[in-house]
Amino acid sequence: MTQEERRRGGPGEQAVLLAAGLADVAVSTLGSALGVVRGLARRSDAAELVSDAERDLTARGRLVLDRYAAAPPAHLEILARQALARRVGESG
């Protein structure tokens, strides 16, 4: 058994090490994000930035809801509209 294999340990130890690594990444990312927020709070146009961010997030939310929450039109409804359009086209 090599020194690297001994250092890895069993599956339980690997899971703990992976969780600790992920927690470290999350904490460092959160720290960076807080630094950015502090920097933005010091800006004179912070209120405008917040307003723009709110509009952007609202627009994104609307797009997501439109994409996933809207039910597709009923198949028979589509066929009925196409038939009606053909009838209007033939008579006019």
PDB file of N, CA and C in Angstrom:
ATOM      1  N   MET A   1       0.850  -1.166   0.000  1.00  0.00           N
ATOM      2  CA  MET A   1       0.000   0.000   0.000  1.00  0.00           C
ATOM      3  C   MET A   1       0.902   1.236   0.000  1.00  0.00           C
ATOM      4  N   THR A   2       0.632   2.160  -0.909  1.00  0.00           N
ATOM      5  CA  THR A   2       1.441   3.372  -0.997  1.00  0.00           C
ATOM      6  C   THR A   2       0.985   4.379   0.046  1.00  0.00           C
ATOM      7  N   GLN A   3       1.797   5.397   0.220  1.00  0.00           N
ATOM      8  CA  GLN A   3       1.467   6.435   1.192  1.00  0.00           C
ATOM      9  C   GLN A   3       0.191   7.175   0.762  1.00  0.00           C
ATOM     10  N   GLU A   4      -0.003   7.371  -0.533  1.00  0.00           N
ATOM     11  CA  GLU A   4      -1.205   8.041  -1.047  1.00  0.00           C
ATOM     12  C   GLU A   4      -2.455   7.230  -0.716  1.00  0.00           C
ATOM     13  N   GLU A   5      -2.383   5.913  -0.884  1.00  0.00           N
ATOM     14  CA  GLU A   5      -3.533   5.063  -0.578  1.00  0.00           C
ATOM     15  C   GLU A   5      -3.857   5.101   0.912  1.00  0.00           C
ATOM     16  N   ARG A   6      -2.837   5.120   1.776  1.00  0.00           N
ATOM     17  CA  ARG A   6      -3.062   5.198   3.213  1.00  0.00           C
ATOM     18  C   ARG A   6      -3.687   6.528   3.598  1.00  0.00           C
ATOM     19  N   ARG A   7      -3.294   7.590   2.900  1.00  0.00           N
ATOM     20  CA  ARG A   7      -3.812   8.916   3.205  1.00  0.00           C
ATOM     21  C   ARG A   7      -5.287   9.047   2.832  1.00  0.00           C
ATOM     22  N   ARG A   8      -5.728   8.345   1.804  1.00  0.00           N
ATOM     23  CA  ARG A   8      -7.115   8.450   1.348  1.00  0.00           C
ATOM     24  C   ARG A   8      -8.096   7.892   2.359  1.00  0.00           C
ATOM     25  N   GLY A   9      -7.791   6.805   3.019  1.00  0.00           N
ATOM     26  CA  GLY A   9      -8.682   6.209   3.996  1.00  0.00           C
ATOM     27  C   GLY A   9      -9.849   5.499   3.321  1.00  0.00           C
ATOM     28  N   GLY A  10     -10.840   5.173   4.117  1.00  0.00           N
ATOM     29  CA  GLY A  10     -12.000   4.464   3.619  1.00  0.00           C
ATOM     30  C   GLY A  10     -13.018   5.395   2.989  1.00  0.00           C
ATOM     31  N   PRO A  11     -14.133   4.816   2.533  1.00  0.00           N
ATOM     32  CA  PRO A  11     -15.180   5.633   1.902  1.00  0.00           C
ATOM     33  C   PRO A  11     -15.776   6.670   2.856  1.00  0.00           C
ATOM     34  N   GLY A  12     -15.908   6.299   4.122  1.00  0.00           N
ATOM     35  CA  GLY A  12     -16.444   7.260   5.099  1.00  0.00           C
ATOM     36  C   GLY A  12     -15.535   8.456   5.272  1.00  0.00           C
ATOM     37  N   GLU A  13     -14.243   8.188   5.340  1.00  0.00           N
ATOM     38  CA  GLU A  13     -13.286   9.284   5.488  1.00  0.00           C
ATOM     39  C   GLU A  13     -13.263  10.152   4.240  1.00  0.00           C
ATOM     40  N   GLN A  14     -13.366   9.530   3.078  1.00  0.00           N
ATOM     41  CA  GLN A  14     -13.405  10.305   1.833  1.00  0.00           C
ATOM     42  C   GLN A  14     -14.638  11.198   1.788  1.00  0.00           C
ATOM     43  N   ALA A  15     -15.783  10.684   2.255  1.00  0.00           N
ATOM     44  CA  ALA A  15     -17.007  11.489   2.278  1.00  0.00           C
ATOM     45  C   ALA A  15     -16.845  12.694   3.191  1.00  0.00           C
ATOM     46  N   VAL A  16     -16.228  12.486   4.344  1.00  0.00           N
ATOM     47  CA  VAL A  16     -16.009  13.594   5.280  1.00  0.00           C
ATOM     48  C   VAL A  16     -15.065  14.624   4.667  1.00  0.00           C
ATOM     49  N   LEU A  17     -14.011  14.148   4.017  1.00  0.00           N
ATOM     50  CA  LEU A  17     -13.064  15.076   3.389  1.00  0.00           C
ATOM     51  C   LEU A  17     -13.723  15.855   2.263  1.00  0.00           C
ATOM     52  N   LEU A  18     -14.555  15.189   1.455  1.00  0.00           N
ATOM     53  CA  LEU A  18     -15.267  15.887   0.385  1.00  0.00           C
ATOM     54  C   LEU A  18     -16.217  16.933   0.959  1.00  0.00           C
ATOM     55  N   ALA A  19     -16.951  16.574   2.022  1.00  0.00           N
ATOM     56  CA  ALA A  19     -17.871  17.529   2.646  1.00  0.00           C
ATOM     57  C   ALA A  19     -17.109  18.721   3.210  1.00  0.00           C
ATOM     58  N   ALA A  20     -15.961  18.466   3.828  1.00  0.00           N
ATOM     59  CA  ALA A  20     -15.156  19.565   4.370  1.00  0.00           C
ATOM     60  C   ALA A  20     -14.639  20.457   3.250  1.00  0.00           C
ATOM     61  N   GLY A  21     -14.229  19.856   2.146  1.00  0.00           N
ATOM     62  CA  GLY A  21     -13.766  20.646   1.005  1.00  0.00           C
ATOM     63  C   GLY A  21     -14.871  21.501   0.418  1.00  0.00           C
ATOM     64  N   LEU A  22     -16.068  20.914   0.283  1.00  0.00           N
ATOM     65  CA  LEU A  22     -17.207  21.682  -0.230  1.00  0.00           C
ATOM     66  C   LEU A  22     -17.578  22.821   0.714  1.00  0.00           C
ATOM     67  N   ALA A  23     -17.534  22.554   2.016  1.00  0.00           N
ATOM     68  CA  ALA A  23     -17.841  23.600   2.988  1.00  0.00           C
ATOM     69  C   ALA A  23     -16.826  24.735   2.893  1.00  0.00           C
ATOM     70  N   ASP A  24     -15.553  24.399   2.690  1.00  0.00           N
ATOM     71  CA  ASP A  24     -14.523  25.424   2.556  1.00  0.00           C
ATOM     72  C   ASP A  24     -14.762  26.285   1.324  1.00  0.00           C
ATOM     73  N   VAL A  25     -15.108  25.644   0.224  1.00  0.00           N
ATOM     74  CA  VAL A  25     -15.410  26.400  -1.008  1.00  0.00           C
ATOM     75  C   VAL A  25     -16.610  27.307  -0.785  1.00  0.00           C
ATOM     76  N   ALA A  26     -17.660  26.785  -0.121  1.00  0.00           N
ATOM     77  CA  ALA A  26     -18.860  27.588   0.132  1.00  0.00           C
ATOM     78  C   ALA A  26     -18.545  28.790   1.010  1.00  0.00           C
ATOM     79  N   VAL A  27     -17.748  28.584   2.045  1.00  0.00           N
ATOM     80  CA  VAL A  27     -17.410  29.685   2.949  1.00  0.00           C
ATOM     81  C   VAL A  27     -16.571  30.733   2.231  1.00  0.00           C
ATOM     82  N   SER A  28     -15.603  30.307   1.436  1.00  0.00           N
ATOM     83  CA  SER A  28     -14.773  31.289   0.728  1.00  0.00           C
ATOM     84  C   SER A  28     -15.593  32.037  -0.321  1.00  0.00           C
ATOM     85  N   THR A  29     -16.522  31.342  -0.980  1.00  0.00           N
ATOM     86  CA  THR A  29     -17.384  32.001  -1.962  1.00  0.00           C
ATOM     87  C   THR A  29     -18.298  32.999  -1.279  1.00  0.00           C
ATOM     88  N   LEU A  30     -18.853  32.609  -0.134  1.00  0.00           N
ATOM     89  CA  LEU A  30     -19.708  33.516   0.622  1.00  0.00           C
ATOM     90  C   LEU A  30     -18.930  34.735   1.083  1.00  0.00           C
ATOM     91  N   GLY A  31     -17.697  34.521   1.527  1.00  0.00           N
ATOM     92  CA  GLY A  31     -16.858  35.648   1.943  1.00  0.00           C
ATOM     93  C   GLY A  31     -16.601  36.609   0.794  1.00  0.00           C
ATOM     94  N   SER A  32     -16.337  36.059  -0.390  1.00  0.00           N
ATOM     95  CA  SER A  32     -16.125  36.917  -1.562  1.00  0.00           C
ATOM     96  C   SER A  32     -17.391  37.674  -1.916  1.00  0.00           C
ATOM     97  N   ALA A  33     -18.525  36.999  -1.844  1.00  0.00           N
ATOM     98  CA  ALA A  33     -19.796  37.649  -2.165  1.00  0.00           C
ATOM     99  C   ALA A  33     -20.096  38.774  -1.184  1.00  0.00           C
ATOM    100  N   LEU A  34     -19.816  38.550   0.091  1.00  0.00           N
ATOM    101  CA  LEU A  34     -20.042  39.607   1.081  1.00  0.00           C
ATOM    102  C   LEU A  34     -19.132  40.803   0.822  1.00  0.00           C
ATOM    103  N   GLY A  35     -17.918  40.547   0.394  1.00  0.00           N
ATOM    104  CA  GLY A  35     -17.019  41.646   0.043  1.00  0.00           C
ATOM    105  C   GLY A  35     -17.557  42.467  -1.110  1.00  0.00           C
ATOM    106  N   VAL A  36     -18.123  41.792  -2.092  1.00  0.00           N
ATOM    107  CA  VAL A  36     -18.716  42.503  -3.234  1.00  0.00           C
ATOM    108  C   VAL A  36     -19.910  43.321  -2.774  1.00  0.00           C
ATOM    109  N   VAL A  37     -20.747  42.746  -1.914  1.00  0.00           N
ATOM    110  CA  VAL A  37     -21.921  43.464  -1.414  1.00  0.00           C
ATOM    111  C   VAL A  37     -21.493  44.693  -0.619  1.00  0.00           C
ATOM    112  N   ARG A  38     -20.477  44.546   0.210  1.00  0.00           N
ATOM    113  CA  ARG A  38     -19.980  45.701   0.969  1.00  0.00           C
ATOM    114  C   ARG A  38     -19.479  46.792   0.026  1.00  0.00           C
ATOM    115  N   GLY A  39     -18.771  46.389  -1.010  1.00  0.00           N
ATOM    116  CA  GLY A  39     -18.280  47.360  -1.981  1.00  0.00           C
ATOM    117  C   GLY A  39     -19.411  48.076  -2.697  1.00  0.00           C
ATOM    118  N   LEU A  40     -20.464  47.323  -3.027  1.00  0.00           N
ATOM    119  CA  LEU A  40     -21.608  47.941  -3.688  1.00  0.00           C
ATOM    120  C   LEU A  40     -22.357  48.883  -2.756  1.00  0.00           C
ATOM    121  N   ALA A  41     -22.404  48.553  -1.476  1.00  0.00           N
ATOM    122  CA  ALA A  41     -23.118  49.397  -0.514  1.00  0.00           C
ATOM    123  C   ALA A  41     -22.444  50.753  -0.362  1.00  0.00           C
ATOM    124  N   ARG A  42     -21.165  50.818  -0.624  1.00  0.00           N
ATOM    125  CA  ARG A  42     -20.428  52.080  -0.490  1.00  0.00           C
ATOM    126  C   ARG A  42     -20.603  52.993  -1.704  1.00  0.00           C
ATOM    127  N   ARG A  43     -21.154  52.452  -2.767  1.00  0.00           N
ATOM    128  CA  ARG A  43     -21.311  53.257  -3.982  1.00  0.00           C
ATOM    129  C   ARG A  43     -22.436  54.264  -3.806  1.00  0.00           C
ATOM    130  N   SER A  44     -22.315  55.377  -4.490  1.00  0.00           N
ATOM    131  CA  SER A  44     -23.337  56.415  -4.385  1.00  0.00           C
ATOM    132  C   SER A  44     -24.602  56.043  -5.150  1.00  0.00           C
ATOM    133  N   ASP A  45     -24.482  55.168  -6.152  1.00  0.00           N
ATOM    134  CA  ASP A  45     -25.656  54.773  -6.933  1.00  0.00           C
ATOM    135  C   ASP A  45     -26.174  53.393  -6.520  1.00  0.00           C
ATOM    136  N   ALA A  46     -25.987  53.054  -5.243  1.00  0.00           N
ATOM    137  CA  ALA A  46     -26.388  51.732  -4.749  1.00  0.00           C
ATOM    138  C   ALA A  46     -27.891  51.519  -4.897  1.00  0.00           C
ATOM    139  N   ALA A  47     -28.692  52.538  -4.619  1.00  0.00           N
ATOM    140  CA  ALA A  47     -30.145  52.392  -4.733  1.00  0.00           C
ATOM    141  C   ALA A  47     -30.553  52.087  -6.169  1.00  0.00           C
ATOM    142  N   GLU A  48     -29.893  52.734  -7.107  1.00  0.00           N
ATOM    143  CA  GLU A  48     -30.179  52.492  -8.516  1.00  0.00           C
ATOM    144  C   GLU A  48     -29.765  51.073  -8.923  1.00  0.00           C
ATOM    145  N   LEU A  49     -28.622  50.624  -8.412  1.00  0.00           N
ATOM    146  CA  LEU A  49     -28.179  49.258  -8.702  1.00  0.00           C
ATOM    147  C   LEU A  49     -29.152  48.226  -8.153  1.00  0.00           C
ATOM    148  N   VAL A  50     -29.638  48.467  -6.946  1.00  0.00           N
ATOM    149  CA  VAL A  50     -30.603  47.548  -6.344  1.00  0.00           C
ATOM    150  C   VAL A  50     -31.889  47.534  -7.157  1.00  0.00           C
ATOM    151  N   SER A  51     -32.326  48.693  -7.588  1.00  0.00           N
ATOM    152  CA  SER A  51     -33.535  48.788  -8.401  1.00  0.00           C
ATOM    153  C   SER A  51     -33.368  48.035  -9.729  1.00  0.00           C
ATOM    154  N   ASP A  52     -32.217  48.219 -10.358  1.00  0.00           N
ATOM    155  CA  ASP A  52     -31.936  47.496 -11.606  1.00  0.00           C
ATOM    156  C   ASP A  52     -31.886  45.991 -11.378  1.00  0.00           C
ATOM    157  N   ALA A  53     -31.263  45.588 -10.292  1.00  0.00           N
ATOM    158  CA  ALA A  53     -31.181  44.153  -9.982  1.00  0.00           C
ATOM    159  C   ALA A  53     -32.564  43.583  -9.729  1.00  0.00           C
ATOM    160  N   GLU A  54     -33.402  44.337  -9.048  1.00  0.00           N
ATOM    161  CA  GLU A  54     -34.766  43.873  -8.777  1.00  0.00           C
ATOM    162  C   GLU A  54     -35.552  43.708 -10.079  1.00  0.00           C
ATOM    163  N   ARG A  55     -35.424  44.661 -10.989  1.00  0.00           N
ATOM    164  CA  ARG A  55     -36.107  44.557 -12.287  1.00  0.00           C
ATOM    165  C   ARG A  55     -35.591  43.352 -13.072  1.00  0.00           C
ATOM    166  N   ASP A  56     -34.267  43.158 -13.068  1.00  0.00           N
ATOM    167  CA  ASP A  56     -33.691  42.023 -13.785  1.00  0.00           C
ATOM    168  C   ASP A  56     -34.173  40.693 -13.211  1.00  0.00           C
ATOM    169  N   LEU A  57     -34.183  40.584 -11.882  1.00  0.00           N
ATOM    170  CA  LEU A  57     -34.634  39.344 -11.253  1.00  0.00           C
ATOM    171  C   LEU A  57     -36.117  39.093 -11.500  1.00  0.00           C
ATOM    172  N   THR A  58     -36.915  40.162 -11.487  1.00  0.00           N
ATOM    173  CA  THR A  58     -38.341  40.015 -11.781  1.00  0.00           C
ATOM    174  C   THR A  58     -38.541  39.534 -13.211  1.00  0.00           C
ATOM    175  N   ALA A  59     -37.787  40.103 -14.139  1.00  0.00           N
ATOM    176  CA  ALA A  59     -37.904  39.684 -15.533  1.00  0.00           C
ATOM    177  C   ALA A  59     -37.472  38.226 -15.705  1.00  0.00           C
ATOM    178  N   ARG A  60     -36.394  37.839 -15.039  1.00  0.00           N
ATOM    179  CA  ARG A  60     -35.950  36.442 -15.106  1.00  0.00           C
ATOM    180  C   ARG A  60     -36.996  35.505 -14.521  1.00  0.00           C
ATOM    181  N   GLY A  61     -37.578  35.905 -13.399  1.00  0.00           N
ATOM    182  CA  GLY A  61     -38.616  35.096 -12.785  1.00  0.00           C
ATOM    183  C   GLY A  61     -39.815  34.923 -13.693  1.00  0.00           C
ATOM    184  N   ARG A  62     -40.199  36.005 -14.354  1.00  0.00           N
ATOM    185  CA  ARG A  62     -41.325  35.938 -15.292  1.00  0.00           C
ATOM    186  C   ARG A  62     -41.002  34.986 -16.441  1.00  0.00           C
ATOM    187  N   LEU A  63     -39.788  35.064 -16.967  1.00  0.00           N
ATOM    188  CA  LEU A  63     -39.389  34.166 -18.056  1.00  0.00           C
ATOM    189  C   LEU A  63     -39.409  32.701 -17.619  1.00  0.00           C
ATOM    190  N   VAL A  64     -38.904  32.443 -16.417  1.00  0.00           N
ATOM    191  CA  VAL A  64     -38.887  31.069 -15.913  1.00  0.00           C
ATOM    192  C   VAL A  64     -40.302  30.546 -15.751  1.00  0.00           C
ATOM    193  N   LEU A  65     -41.167  31.359 -15.154  1.00  0.00           N
ATOM    194  CA  LEU A  65     -42.553  30.917 -14.979  1.00  0.00           C
ATOM    195  C   LEU A  65     -43.242  30.712 -16.314  1.00  0.00           C
ATOM    196  N   ASP A  66     -43.007  31.601 -17.258  1.00  0.00           N
ATOM    197  CA  ASP A  66     -43.604  31.436 -18.583  1.00  0.00           C
ATOM    198  C   ASP A  66     -43.106  30.166 -19.257  1.00  0.00           C
ATOM    199  N   ARG A  67     -41.847  29.853 -19.050  1.00  0.00           N
ATOM    200  CA  ARG A  67     -41.249  28.688 -19.704  1.00  0.00           C
ATOM    201  C   ARG A  67     -41.742  27.381 -19.106  1.00  0.00           C
ATOM    202  N   TYR A  68     -41.838  27.321 -17.782  1.00  0.00           N
ATOM    203  CA  TYR A  68     -42.123  26.041 -17.127  1.00  0.00           C
ATOM    204  C   TYR A  68     -43.536  25.914 -16.581  1.00  0.00           C
ATOM    205  N   ALA A  69     -44.189  27.004 -16.235  1.00  0.00           N
ATOM    206  CA  ALA A  69     -45.499  26.912 -15.593  1.00  0.00           C
ATOM    207  C   ALA A  69     -46.654  26.955 -16.587  1.00  0.00           C
ATOM    208  N   ALA A  70     -46.448  27.550 -17.720  1.00  0.00           N
ATOM    209  CA  ALA A  70     -47.534  27.680 -18.686  1.00  0.00           C
ATOM    210  C   ALA A  70     -47.808  26.328 -19.337  1.00  0.00           C
ATOM    211  N   ALA A  71     -49.073  25.959 -19.327  1.00  0.00           N
ATOM    212  CA  ALA A  71     -49.465  24.707 -19.967  1.00  0.00           C
ATOM    213  C   ALA A  71     -49.499  24.916 -21.476  1.00  0.00           C
ATOM    214  N   PRO A  72     -49.042  23.961 -22.229  1.00  0.00           N
ATOM    215  CA  PRO A  72     -49.111  24.105 -23.684  1.00  0.00           C
ATOM    216  C   PRO A  72     -50.568  24.103 -24.130  1.00  0.00           C
ATOM    217  N   PRO A  73     -50.860  24.739 -25.250  1.00  0.00           N
ATOM    218  CA  PRO A  73     -52.253  24.765 -25.718  1.00  0.00           C
ATOM    219  C   PRO A  73     -52.728  23.351 -26.045  1.00  0.00           C
ATOM    220  N   ALA A  74     -54.007  23.139 -25.849  1.00  0.00           N
ATOM    221  CA  ALA A  74     -54.591  21.829 -26.112  1.00  0.00           C
ATOM    222  C   ALA A  74     -54.490  21.494 -27.602  1.00  0.00           C
ATOM    223  N   HIS A  75     -54.200  20.246 -27.872  1.00  0.00           N
ATOM    224  CA  HIS A  75     -54.004  19.804 -29.257  1.00  0.00           C
ATOM    225  C   HIS A  75     -55.260  20.030 -30.096  1.00  0.00           C
ATOM    226  N   LEU A  76     -56.416  19.686 -29.544  1.00  0.00           N
ATOM    227  CA  LEU A  76     -57.666  19.865 -30.295  1.00  0.00           C
ATOM    228  C   LEU A  76     -57.957  21.346 -30.540  1.00  0.00           C
ATOM    229  N   GLU A  77     -57.574  22.197 -29.602  1.00  0.00           N
ATOM    230  CA  GLU A  77     -57.761  23.636 -29.787  1.00  0.00           C
ATOM    231  C   GLU A  77     -56.927  24.135 -30.969  1.00  0.00           C
ATOM    232  N   ILE A  78     -55.710  23.659 -31.081  1.00  0.00           N
ATOM    233  CA  ILE A  78     -54.842  24.043 -32.202  1.00  0.00           C
ATOM    234  C   ILE A  78     -55.449  23.576 -33.518  1.00  0.00           C
ATOM    235  N   LEU A  79     -55.923  22.338 -33.551  1.00  0.00           N
ATOM    236  CA  LEU A  79     -56.546  21.810 -34.773  1.00  0.00           C
ATOM    237  C   LEU A  79     -57.791  22.606 -35.134  1.00  0.00           C
ATOM    238  N   ALA A  80     -58.606  22.971 -34.152  1.00  0.00           N
ATOM    239  CA  ALA A  80     -59.818  23.747 -34.430  1.00  0.00           C
ATOM    240  C   ALA A  80     -59.464  25.116 -35.000  1.00  0.00           C
ATOM    241  N   ARG A  81     -58.437  25.752 -34.464  1.00  0.00           N
ATOM    242  CA  ARG A  81     -58.029  27.061 -34.989  1.00  0.00           C
ATOM    243  C   ARG A  81     -57.507  26.951 -36.418  1.00  0.00           C
ATOM    244  N   GLN A  82     -56.756  25.892 -36.702  1.00  0.00           N
ATOM    245  CA  GLN A  82     -56.254  25.698 -38.063  1.00  0.00           C
ATOM    246  C   GLN A  82     -57.404  25.451 -39.037  1.00  0.00           C
ATOM    247  N   ALA A  83     -58.390  24.651 -38.627  1.00  0.00           N
ATOM    248  CA  ALA A  83     -59.549  24.375 -39.489  1.00  0.00           C
ATOM    249  C   ALA A  83     -60.334  25.659 -39.736  1.00  0.00           C
ATOM    250  N   LEU A  84     -60.523  26.455 -38.706  1.00  0.00           N
ATOM    251  CA  LEU A  84     -61.235  27.723 -38.845  1.00  0.00           C
ATOM    252  C   LEU A  84     -60.490  28.666 -39.786  1.00  0.00           C
ATOM    253  N   ALA A  85     -59.177  28.711 -39.659  1.00  0.00           N
ATOM    254  CA  ALA A  85     -58.364  29.570 -40.527  1.00  0.00           C
ATOM    255  C   ALA A  85     -58.467  29.114 -41.981  1.00  0.00           C
ATOM    256  N   ARG A  86     -58.502  27.793 -42.191  1.00  0.00           N
ATOM    257  CA  ARG A  86     -58.653  27.277 -43.572  1.00  0.00           C
ATOM    258  C   ARG A  86     -60.016  27.644 -44.139  1.00  0.00           C
ATOM    259  N   ARG A  87     -61.069  27.524 -43.341  1.00  0.00           N
ATOM    260  CA  ARG A  87     -62.412  27.862 -43.814  1.00  0.00           C
ATOM    261  C   ARG A  87     -62.503  29.347 -44.179  1.00  0.00           C
ATOM    262  N   VAL A  88     -61.925  30.179 -43.334  1.00  0.00           N
ATOM    263  CA  VAL A  88     -61.952  31.628 -43.602  1.00  0.00           C
ATOM    264  C   VAL A  88     -61.147  31.908 -44.870  1.00  0.00           C
ATOM    265  N   GLY A  89     -60.038  31.220 -45.051  1.00  0.00           N
ATOM    266  CA  GLY A  89     -59.200  31.411 -46.227  1.00  0.00           C
ATOM    267  C   GLY A  89     -59.884  30.940 -47.502  1.00  0.00           C
ATOM    268  N   GLU A  90     -60.656  29.856 -47.433  1.00  0.00           N
ATOM    269  CA  GLU A  90     -61.354  29.339 -48.613  1.00  0.00           C
ATOM    270  C   GLU A  90     -62.531  30.211 -49.008  1.00  0.00           C
ATOM    271  N   SER A  91     -63.229  30.788 -48.027  1.00  0.00           N
ATOM    272  CA  SER A  91     -64.409  31.570 -48.346  1.00  0.00           C
ATOM    273  C   SER A  91     -64.073  33.019 -48.696  1.00  0.00           C
ATOM    274  N   GLY A  92     -62.872  33.464 -48.358  1.00  0.00           N
ATOM    275  CA  GLY A  92     -62.552  34.876 -48.585  1.00  0.00           C
ATOM    276  C   GLY A  92     -61.592  35.100 -49.612  1.00  0.00           C
TER     277      GLY A  92
END
